[in-house]
């Protein structure tokens, strides 16, 4: 109780960040510090590494607050809400590999939905009203017709259990708000995060073989992996490979901070969705060719069969994020590739 009074008197703004040691979470922690918040990481490090904490402390110059626990463990998770008085929460903690979710659907549904439900229940119980939910463009499924999706685009059947877990998560949130909850929740439907912090101190650190494109590219180039497989070359796109909206992870991280700031100024409960992307599509081959130019090296890659759950082409209409959050991405795909390669080189040197 004394600590909570101290926080109020000194205007301490703690933000809960579940999965805060992960790729997007760690970069968001940096942006939170730079914008006057004190993030509290909750992570069990099953898909991240404790070395991330060291990198964060070097970047921020702050002692990072973190609690090692599984957010699916309600009683352990509740202790964090008792310990700190939060002004908001950003919920990242979830499994995220499309291909793995097709092979292990129950694993994804159990983890992703229980984690969200625990977070929402505890936020209500301890009056943490401002919530940002890490959703995904996968909720749109395979777009029909125009590939640029707005927040009002029809939600298609999900292409994977991962995407479906995000769709269900959004439905849970909407139902909660309809029930009369006082929570204010933004569901950020972000597209494909890439890159790393410009210092090279934090970045994407996959456990085992990468499931995302760019770390697979950089690990192949550095020699950790023998070869990159491009899944499918017969899609209805200009070069036959899938097209995605790739957004620099630092731009994405700042969008979460802007979301918390916006929510703090809203008087009433709400549930709203916002696309977070660049509004531009880039193909898999374009990523490979840009990487070869940036790194001044040749990448060992080949075409393979299509991968179950992959969407052909999708990118964001981002008008709403600018209008609501006053946020726009400032970094390019080339910037992201440069930073990701710098991160990979540093990992190799270390």
Foldseek 3Di string as FASTA:
>chain_A
DVVAVVCVVVVAAEEEEEVLQAFLNVLLCLLCLVVRHQYEYEEQQPWGDPLSQVLSCVSNVDNHHYDRDQLLPLVVVLVVLVVDQHLEYEYDDADAFQQVCQVPVVVRLSRLVSSLVSVVVSCQVSVNAQYEYEAAPQQQAAADDDQADEQPGDRDPGQGSNNVSRNVSLVVVVVCVVVPGFHAYEYEHEWAEFAFPQVLSGHHDGDPQDRDQLVNQLCQVVPVDVEAEQAFQCFPDPRSFAKTFYAYSNLVSNLVVLSRVLRVPDDGHDYYYAYDGQSDIDGSVNLQVLLCVLVVHHGHYDYDHHRRRDHRYHDYDHPVSCVRSVGHGDDDSSNRSNRRNSSSVVVVVD
